[in-house]
Amino acid sequence: MRARGLFQRFKKLQGPIRETVFKYLRNCLVNGEKIDILVFPDADEIFSDYFPKLLNDFWKNKKVKAITLKPVGVYGDIKTIMRKSMSGHTRVMKFFPELTAIPYRTLCCYKPLTRKDRVAITRVLIHLAHLTSERKNWRKKHWKFKYRPDEPLWKLDKDINKMSPLEIGEVFKRKPDLTIKEYE
């Protein structure tokens, strides 16, 4: 087994796995079952308490077929955040039979969705990749993008999952509270 061990990424399998889910859901539709919304988070992502409101608004908007979410990253605990995070990924979709993950790509790419079909939302998805020492150490060793010791961090008055996207945006407008080096 390679050094990545249990945390071996399965990017090459994501497309085929999602296409298998779509095929299953198409069969469900043929059998008369109703499918409304699909949610595909990664294992190291959670949603804030704002997510149910977002889903309600999304469902009411007949023009939009998907939500691309740009997460906010936590560092070390659920009350410390970092500005840098991964790019936005389409994590929520209204299911329709033509939806496919083919051609397979390493990023979350769904056809026939276009930018016009999606809405982009920030700071509702929370990336936990730097929450525990084990995950931080793994990423330092195996991840192509490394955080510098002088990366800024912001302390929160409450857990991030209890905050609205606007509240989190206001936190980023103030001066950082510490750096990664100071945190550790």
C-alpha atoms as a PDB file:
ATOM      1  CA  MET A   1       0.000   0.000   0.000  1.00  0.00           C
ATOM      2  CA  ARG A   2       1.234   3.470  -0.813  1.00  0.00           C
ATOM      3  CA  ALA A   3       2.045   6.026   1.864  1.00  0.00           C
ATOM      4  CA  ARG A   4      -1.364   7.617   1.453  1.00  0.00           C
ATOM      5  CA  GLY A   5      -2.847   4.511   3.068  1.00  0.00           C
ATOM      6  CA  LEU A   6      -6.428   4.866   4.173  1.00  0.00           C
ATOM      7  CA  PHE A   7      -6.661   8.411   2.857  1.00  0.00           C
ATOM      8  CA  GLN A   8      -5.857   7.423  -0.734  1.00  0.00           C
ATOM      9  CA  ARG A   9      -7.885   9.742  -2.897  1.00  0.00           C
ATOM     10  CA  PHE A  10     -10.268   8.158  -5.331  1.00  0.00           C
ATOM     11  CA  LYS A  11     -10.594  10.992  -7.836  1.00  0.00           C
ATOM     12  CA  LYS A  12     -10.470   8.605 -10.790  1.00  0.00           C
ATOM     13  CA  LEU A  13     -13.465   6.724  -9.397  1.00  0.00           C
ATOM     14  CA  GLN A  14     -15.655   9.717  -8.587  1.00  0.00           C
ATOM     15  CA  GLY A  15     -17.109  10.060 -12.095  1.00  0.00           C
ATOM     16  CA  PRO A  16     -17.915   6.341 -12.495  1.00  0.00           C
ATOM     17  CA  ILE A  17     -19.422   6.203  -8.980  1.00  0.00           C
ATOM     18  CA  ARG A  18     -21.627   9.214  -9.662  1.00  0.00           C
ATOM     19  CA  GLU A  19     -22.673   7.867 -13.046  1.00  0.00           C
ATOM     20  CA  THR A  20     -23.657   4.579 -11.352  1.00  0.00           C
ATOM     21  CA  VAL A  21     -25.843   6.598  -8.959  1.00  0.00           C
ATOM     22  CA  PHE A  22     -27.416   8.474 -11.887  1.00  0.00           C
ATOM     23  CA  LYS A  23     -28.142   5.194 -13.695  1.00  0.00           C
ATOM     24  CA  TYR A  24     -29.812   3.832 -10.545  1.00  0.00           C
ATOM     25  CA  LEU A  25     -31.880   7.012 -10.177  1.00  0.00           C
ATOM     26  CA  ARG A  26     -32.956   6.873 -13.841  1.00  0.00           C
ATOM     27  CA  ASN A  27     -34.242   3.351 -13.169  1.00  0.00           C
ATOM     28  CA  CYS A  28     -36.095   4.672 -10.109  1.00  0.00           C
ATOM     29  CA  LEU A  29     -37.828   7.263 -12.307  1.00  0.00           C
ATOM     30  CA  VAL A  30     -38.805   4.581 -14.819  1.00  0.00           C
ATOM     31  CA  ASN A  31     -40.371   2.645 -11.921  1.00  0.00           C
ATOM     32  CA  GLY A  32     -42.458   5.679 -10.928  1.00  0.00           C
ATOM     33  CA  GLU A  33     -40.404   6.863  -7.965  1.00  0.00           C
ATOM     34  CA  LYS A  34     -39.930  10.592  -7.406  1.00  0.00           C
ATOM     35  CA  ILE A  35     -36.466  12.096  -6.982  1.00  0.00           C
ATOM     36  CA  ASP A  36     -36.140  15.727  -6.044  1.00  0.00           C
ATOM     37  CA  ILE A  37     -32.704  16.893  -4.927  1.00  0.00           C
ATOM     38  CA  LEU A  38     -29.296  15.201  -4.904  1.00  0.00           C
ATOM     39  CA  VAL A  39     -26.625  16.253  -2.424  1.00  0.00           C
ATOM     40  CA  PHE A  40     -23.061  15.008  -3.039  1.00  0.00           C
ATOM     41  CA  PRO A  41     -20.714  16.303  -0.290  1.00  0.00           C
ATOM     42  CA  ASP A  42     -17.214  14.908   0.178  1.00  0.00           C
ATOM     43  CA  ALA A  43     -16.425  12.941   3.328  1.00  0.00           C
ATOM     44  CA  ASP A  44     -14.547  15.919   4.808  1.00  0.00           C
ATOM     45  CA  GLU A  45     -17.353  18.442   4.286  1.00  0.00           C
ATOM     46  CA  ILE A  46     -20.370  19.436   6.365  1.00  0.00           C
ATOM     47  CA  PHE A  47     -23.099  21.994   5.840  1.00  0.00           C
ATOM     48  CA  SER A  48     -23.867  24.946   8.068  1.00  0.00           C
ATOM     49  CA  ASP A  49     -27.242  25.407   9.730  1.00  0.00           C
ATOM     50  CA  TYR A  50     -28.008  27.812   6.846  1.00  0.00           C
ATOM     51  CA  PHE A  51     -28.191  24.859   4.413  1.00  0.00           C
ATOM     52  CA  PRO A  52     -31.932  24.054   4.897  1.00  0.00           C
ATOM     53  CA  LYS A  53     -32.851  27.654   4.007  1.00  0.00           C
ATOM     54  CA  LEU A  54     -30.611  27.431   0.955  1.00  0.00           C
ATOM     55  CA  LEU A  55     -32.349  24.205  -0.140  1.00  0.00           C
ATOM     56  CA  ASN A  56     -35.795  25.775   0.266  1.00  0.00           C
ATOM     57  CA  ASP A  57     -34.798  28.788  -1.829  1.00  0.00           C
ATOM     58  CA  PHE A  58     -33.184  26.506  -4.412  1.00  0.00           C
ATOM     59  CA  TRP A  59     -36.278  24.330  -4.725  1.00  0.00           C
ATOM     60  CA  LYS A  60     -38.522  27.369  -5.277  1.00  0.00           C
ATOM     61  CA  ASN A  61     -36.267  28.750  -8.032  1.00  0.00           C
ATOM     62  CA  LYS A  62     -37.425  26.908 -11.177  1.00  0.00           C
ATOM     63  CA  LYS A  63     -34.648  28.400 -13.351  1.00  0.00           C
ATOM     64  CA  VAL A  64     -31.744  26.963 -11.360  1.00  0.00           C
ATOM     65  CA  LYS A  65     -30.831  23.254 -11.627  1.00  0.00           C
ATOM     66  CA  ALA A  66     -27.758  23.091  -9.389  1.00  0.00           C
ATOM     67  CA  ILE A  67     -25.764  24.804  -6.653  1.00  0.00           C
ATOM     68  CA  THR A  68     -22.007  25.165  -6.779  1.00  0.00           C
ATOM     69  CA  LEU A  69     -20.696  25.613  -3.261  1.00  0.00           C
ATOM     70  CA  LYS A  70     -17.376  27.217  -2.346  1.00  0.00           C
ATOM     71  CA  PRO A  71     -16.471  26.077   1.144  1.00  0.00           C
ATOM     72  CA  VAL A  72     -14.837  27.850   4.011  1.00  0.00           C
ATOM     73  CA  GLY A  73     -12.086  25.924   5.770  1.00  0.00           C
ATOM     74  CA  VAL A  74     -11.730  25.424   9.496  1.00  0.00           C
ATOM     75  CA  TYR A  75      -8.332  25.019  11.115  1.00  0.00           C
ATOM     76  CA  GLY A  76      -7.794  22.999  14.281  1.00  0.00           C
ATOM     77  CA  ASP A  77     -11.237  23.648  15.736  1.00  0.00           C
ATOM     78  CA  ILE A  78     -14.725  24.590  14.601  1.00  0.00           C
ATOM     79  CA  LYS A  79     -14.270  28.197  15.793  1.00  0.00           C
ATOM     80  CA  THR A  80     -11.148  28.996  13.756  1.00  0.00           C
ATOM     81  CA  ILE A  81     -11.347  29.633  10.027  1.00  0.00           C
ATOM     82  CA  MET A  82      -8.972  30.235   7.159  1.00  0.00           C
ATOM     83  CA  ARG A  83      -9.628  32.285   4.041  1.00  0.00           C
ATOM     84  CA  LYS A  84      -8.098  29.884   1.557  1.00  0.00           C
ATOM     85  CA  SER A  85     -10.121  26.863   0.605  1.00  0.00           C
ATOM     86  CA  MET A  86     -10.777  24.653  -2.373  1.00  0.00           C
ATOM     87  CA  SER A  87     -12.581  25.922  -5.440  1.00  0.00           C
ATOM     88  CA  GLY A  88     -16.324  25.670  -5.761  1.00  0.00           C
ATOM     89  CA  HIS A  89     -17.844  22.281  -6.552  1.00  0.00           C
ATOM     90  CA  THR A  90     -21.357  21.431  -7.670  1.00  0.00           C
ATOM     91  CA  ARG A  91     -22.730  19.582  -4.662  1.00  0.00           C
ATOM     92  CA  VAL A  92     -26.516  20.017  -4.994  1.00  0.00           C
ATOM     93  CA  MET A  93     -28.680  19.251  -8.038  1.00  0.00           C
ATOM     94  CA  LYS A  94     -32.285  18.853  -9.053  1.00  0.00           C
ATOM     95  CA  PHE A  95     -32.304  15.422 -10.643  1.00  0.00           C
ATOM     96  CA  PHE A  96     -33.410  14.986 -14.254  1.00  0.00           C
ATOM     97  CA  PRO A  97     -32.862  11.906 -16.479  1.00  0.00           C
ATOM     98  CA  GLU A  98     -30.302  13.550 -18.798  1.00  0.00           C
ATOM     99  CA  LEU A  99     -27.960  14.340 -15.909  1.00  0.00           C
ATOM    100  CA  THR A 100     -24.655  12.513 -16.358  1.00  0.00           C
ATOM    101  CA  ALA A 101     -21.083  12.451 -15.068  1.00  0.00           C
ATOM    102  CA  ILE A 102     -19.790  11.378 -18.497  1.00  0.00           C
ATOM    103  CA  PRO A 103     -17.189  12.262 -19.688  1.00  0.00           C
ATOM    104  CA  TYR A 104     -15.475  11.294 -16.462  1.00  0.00           C
ATOM    105  CA  ARG A 105     -13.327  14.019 -14.973  1.00  0.00           C
ATOM    106  CA  THR A 106     -11.522  14.362 -11.687  1.00  0.00           C
ATOM    107  CA  LEU A 107     -13.529  17.444 -10.761  1.00  0.00           C
ATOM    108  CA  CYS A 108     -17.265  17.425 -10.146  1.00  0.00           C
ATOM    109  CA  CYS A 109     -18.443  17.960 -13.709  1.00  0.00           C
ATOM    110  CA  TYR A 110     -22.026  17.165 -14.639  1.00  0.00           C
ATOM    111  CA  LYS A 111     -23.528  17.363 -18.116  1.00  0.00           C
ATOM    112  CA  PRO A 112     -25.655  18.985 -19.487  1.00  0.00           C
ATOM    113  CA  LEU A 113     -25.414  21.565 -16.672  1.00  0.00           C
ATOM    114  CA  THR A 114     -23.933  24.911 -17.654  1.00  0.00           C
ATOM    115  CA  ARG A 115     -23.053  28.010 -15.670  1.00  0.00           C
ATOM    116  CA  LYS A 116     -26.465  29.430 -16.546  1.00  0.00           C
ATOM    117  CA  ASP A 117     -28.124  26.451 -14.813  1.00  0.00           C
ATOM    118  CA  ARG A 118     -26.191  26.876 -11.571  1.00  0.00           C
ATOM    119  CA  VAL A 119     -25.998  29.354  -8.762  1.00  0.00           C
ATOM    120  CA  ALA A 120     -22.772  29.814  -6.803  1.00  0.00           C
ATOM    121  CA  ILE A 121     -22.957  30.081  -3.021  1.00  0.00           C
ATOM    122  CA  THR A 122     -20.072  30.653  -0.615  1.00  0.00           C
ATOM    123  CA  ARG A 123     -19.601  29.830   3.063  1.00  0.00           C
ATOM    124  CA  VAL A 124     -22.442  27.306   3.542  1.00  0.00           C
ATOM    125  CA  LEU A 125     -20.194  24.297   2.973  1.00  0.00           C
ATOM    126  CA  ILE A 126     -17.519  23.755   5.628  1.00  0.00           C
ATOM    127  CA  HIS A 127     -14.284  21.990   4.692  1.00  0.00           C
ATOM    128  CA  LEU A 128     -12.876  19.922   7.561  1.00  0.00           C
ATOM    129  CA  ALA A 129      -9.552  18.957   5.955  1.00  0.00           C
ATOM    130  CA  HIS A 130      -7.560  20.867   8.583  1.00  0.00           C
ATOM    131  CA  LEU A 131      -9.726  20.143  11.611  1.00  0.00           C
ATOM    132  CA  THR A 132      -7.675  17.417  13.292  1.00  0.00           C
ATOM    133  CA  SER A 133      -3.929  17.041  13.734  1.00  0.00           C
ATOM    134  CA  GLU A 134      -4.062  13.743  11.844  1.00  0.00           C
ATOM    135  CA  ARG A 135      -5.668  15.330   8.768  1.00  0.00           C
ATOM    136  CA  LYS A 136      -3.415  18.407   8.903  1.00  0.00           C
ATOM    137  CA  ASN A 137      -0.301  16.208   9.049  1.00  0.00           C
ATOM    138  CA  TRP A 138      -1.521  14.015   6.200  1.00  0.00           C
ATOM    139  CA  ARG A 139      -2.162  17.056   4.018  1.00  0.00           C
ATOM    140  CA  LYS A 140       1.270  18.524   4.835  1.00  0.00           C
ATOM    141  CA  LYS A 141       2.904  15.325   3.619  1.00  0.00           C
ATOM    142  CA  HIS A 142       0.714  14.337   0.657  1.00  0.00           C
ATOM    143  CA  TRP A 143      -1.095  17.372  -0.663  1.00  0.00           C
ATOM    144  CA  LYS A 144       0.234  19.426  -3.550  1.00  0.00           C
ATOM    145  CA  PHE A 145      -0.886  22.698  -1.977  1.00  0.00           C
ATOM    146  CA  LYS A 146       0.825  23.469   1.319  1.00  0.00           C
ATOM    147  CA  TYR A 147      -0.225  26.154   3.770  1.00  0.00           C
ATOM    148  CA  ARG A 148       2.497  28.486   4.932  1.00  0.00           C
ATOM    149  CA  PRO A 149       3.066  29.067   8.660  1.00  0.00           C
ATOM    150  CA  ASP A 150       2.146  32.736   8.165  1.00  0.00           C
ATOM    151  CA  GLU A 151      -1.320  31.928   6.708  1.00  0.00           C
ATOM    152  CA  PRO A 152      -3.891  34.075   8.539  1.00  0.00           C
ATOM    153  CA  LEU A 153      -6.612  32.605  10.742  1.00  0.00           C
ATOM    154  CA  TRP A 154      -9.711  34.158  12.257  1.00  0.00           C
ATOM    155  CA  LYS A 155     -11.277  33.185  15.593  1.00  0.00           C
ATOM    156  CA  LEU A 156     -15.076  33.037  15.775  1.00  0.00           C
ATOM    157  CA  ASP A 157     -17.398  33.860  18.646  1.00  0.00           C
ATOM    158  CA  LYS A 158     -19.489  30.774  17.899  1.00  0.00           C
ATOM    159  CA  ASP A 159     -19.248  27.538  15.927  1.00  0.00           C
ATOM    160  CA  ILE A 160     -18.993  28.156  12.189  1.00  0.00           C
ATOM    161  CA  ASN A 161     -21.900  25.841  11.419  1.00  0.00           C
ATOM    162  CA  LYS A 162     -24.190  28.206  13.384  1.00  0.00           C
ATOM    163  CA  MET A 163     -23.167  31.262  11.341  1.00  0.00           C
ATOM    164  CA  SER A 164     -24.763  32.663   8.194  1.00  0.00           C
ATOM    165  CA  PRO A 165     -22.645  33.245   5.078  1.00  0.00           C
ATOM    166  CA  LEU A 166     -22.959  37.006   5.679  1.00  0.00           C
ATOM    167  CA  GLU A 167     -21.661  36.714   9.246  1.00  0.00           C
ATOM    168  CA  ILE A 168     -18.672  34.708   8.027  1.00  0.00           C
ATOM    169  CA  GLY A 169     -18.029  37.292   5.305  1.00  0.00           C
ATOM    170  CA  GLU A 170     -17.946  40.019   7.960  1.00  0.00           C
ATOM    171  CA  VAL A 171     -15.309  38.053   9.906  1.00  0.00           C
ATOM    172  CA  PHE A 172     -13.031  38.068   6.848  1.00  0.00           C
ATOM    173  CA  LYS A 173     -13.289  41.878   6.641  1.00  0.00           C
ATOM    174  CA  ARG A 174     -11.488  42.296   9.942  1.00  0.00           C
ATOM    175  CA  LYS A 175      -7.811  41.849  10.657  1.00  0.00           C
ATOM    176  CA  PRO A 176      -6.771  38.186  11.190  1.00  0.00           C
ATOM    177  CA  ASP A 177      -6.463  37.062  14.801  1.00  0.00           C
ATOM    178  CA  LEU A 178      -3.410  34.823  14.387  1.00  0.00           C
ATOM    179  CA  THR A 179      -1.426  32.714  11.957  1.00  0.00           C
ATOM    180  CA  ILE A 180      -1.090  28.953  11.560  1.00  0.00           C
ATOM    181  CA  LYS A 181       2.287  29.111  13.328  1.00  0.00           C
ATOM    182  CA  GLU A 182       0.773  30.997  16.268  1.00  0.00           C
ATOM    183  CA  TYR A 183      -2.130  28.531  16.442  1.00  0.00           C
ATOM    184  CA  GLU A 184       0.157  25.544  16.697  1.00  0.00           C
END
